[in-house]
Each structure stands twice: as C-alpha cells, then as structure tokens.
Amino acid sequence: MQPDKEAVLISWSGGKDSALALNEVLKSGSYRVAALLTTVTEDYDRISMHGVRRALLEKQAASLELPLEKVLIPSSASNKVYEEKFESVLAKYSHQGVKTVVFGDIFLEDLRKYREARLATVGMSGVFPIWMRSTKELAKSLASLGFRAITTCVDTSVLGSEFVGRIIDEDFLADLPSSVDPCGENGEYHSFVFDGPIFKSPVRFSVGEKVLRDERFYFCDLVPECKGT
C-alpha cells in the first residue's frame, strides 16, 4: 500500500501504447495503479478491437502484478451502451477516491477531448504520459526499453495482411508503408505486449489462426500456453 501516491486507473488495451504509458507512470513514482481498465467484448471473450483472448489479458495483469477491471460489452453495443457501461465502472472507482485515468493516446486531439468530456461526467480527469511524443521515436523505444509486442489486428484498407502476427521490431517498422503511422495511432494496427521491464515474467502463447473479419480487419489469434509447454 502506498497512501502517499495518487491512485490512478490505467486504460489498458494490452497493446504497446498502454504499456509505454504504464511504464511512464510507474517510472514517475507519483502514482499507485488501482487497476488496469480493459474493455472486453463478452460474446467473443476477447479484448475489444485487439481480438486478444481474455485468458491472455489476465495473464498479462498477473505478470504485471496489477489488479484488472474488465468492462464487459456485447459485440453489438452502440456507443451509448459502451459509454454507460464504461462510466458505471469509472463511477465505482470515483466513489472510492480514484479521480484519474491514464491513457496511451499520442496525438488524436478529438479522441482526447472525447475522453476528457466523458471523465468529467463522473468527476474524473485524464493523464496522457506519451502525448505529442514522436510516434517514430516511441515505436523505436519499444525494443530499446526491452518490451516485446506482436501485432494482433491490421486494417487491410491501409496495411497488408502480412503485417498481422508479426513481432514489432526494427524490421517491422522498416517495412511499414510511409503512409502508416509507426505506432498505428490511426488504427492501422493493434498489438499485444507479452514481455518487458514492467513484467515479472513473459506471457507465453503460440500463434494461431489468422482470419479476415468484416472484409477489412485481419486478426491473428494468440493461444495461451501453459507453463512447461
């Protein structure tokens, strides 16, 4: 217990940007993480948009040694339903004295304003540790800091399907088209971080099936591995 530090929630997608934001928060020494906050599509039992199984999300949280708070939404959820479910969870923490949520957003101004407006409805505010940092430098820093991440979803309207299921390293970044943001900040790709300096141990998995959904998004299934396999 660290009563002298401000308690915060981490908006946690399981991907590299949230990992980098969490790393900054822990490095600052000013905050205590009350929980990782993740939206899970309950019909699929996977992290929304990223397509990562809940079991791997839970293994991530265990390796990070942090509590996990899941916001469960149906696959057909409207934006109104999403907001209601999300704000219900936020209100619970706000009543417990947690007034800040940390996000891994980088430069999407409209998204930041949207988040801040929604937080204000429950008396909370946002912290954006990697805001306006160079996405090229952030992407490069992933490996230099010791993080390991794999792409789990790509938007084939802007990026080839061959990029899904790849480790994010120098070769991956060099192969990205110049039109694609290095961090995928515009939704070009999503990722899953499975090791790094803030993890107690690597999250083990094997690469499974790669499938096209909605004639646009290519997902790579990650299958949890048991210890010793």
Foldseek 3Di string as FASTA:
>chain_A
DCVQAAEEEEAPQQFDLSVVQVVLVVVVVRYDYQEYEFEAAVVLCAGPLQRAHVVLVVVQCVQLVGHYDYQYDHPPDDPVNVLVSVLVVVLVVVVVVRAEYEYSAEEDPVVQVVVQVSSVVNNHGYDHRRYPPQLVVSLAVCVVQPWKKAWFKAFCVQDPLVRHGGIRHPVSLVPHPPVARSNNNVVRTTMHIFDGDSGNDGFDWDWDDWDDDPVTMIGIYTGGDDPPD
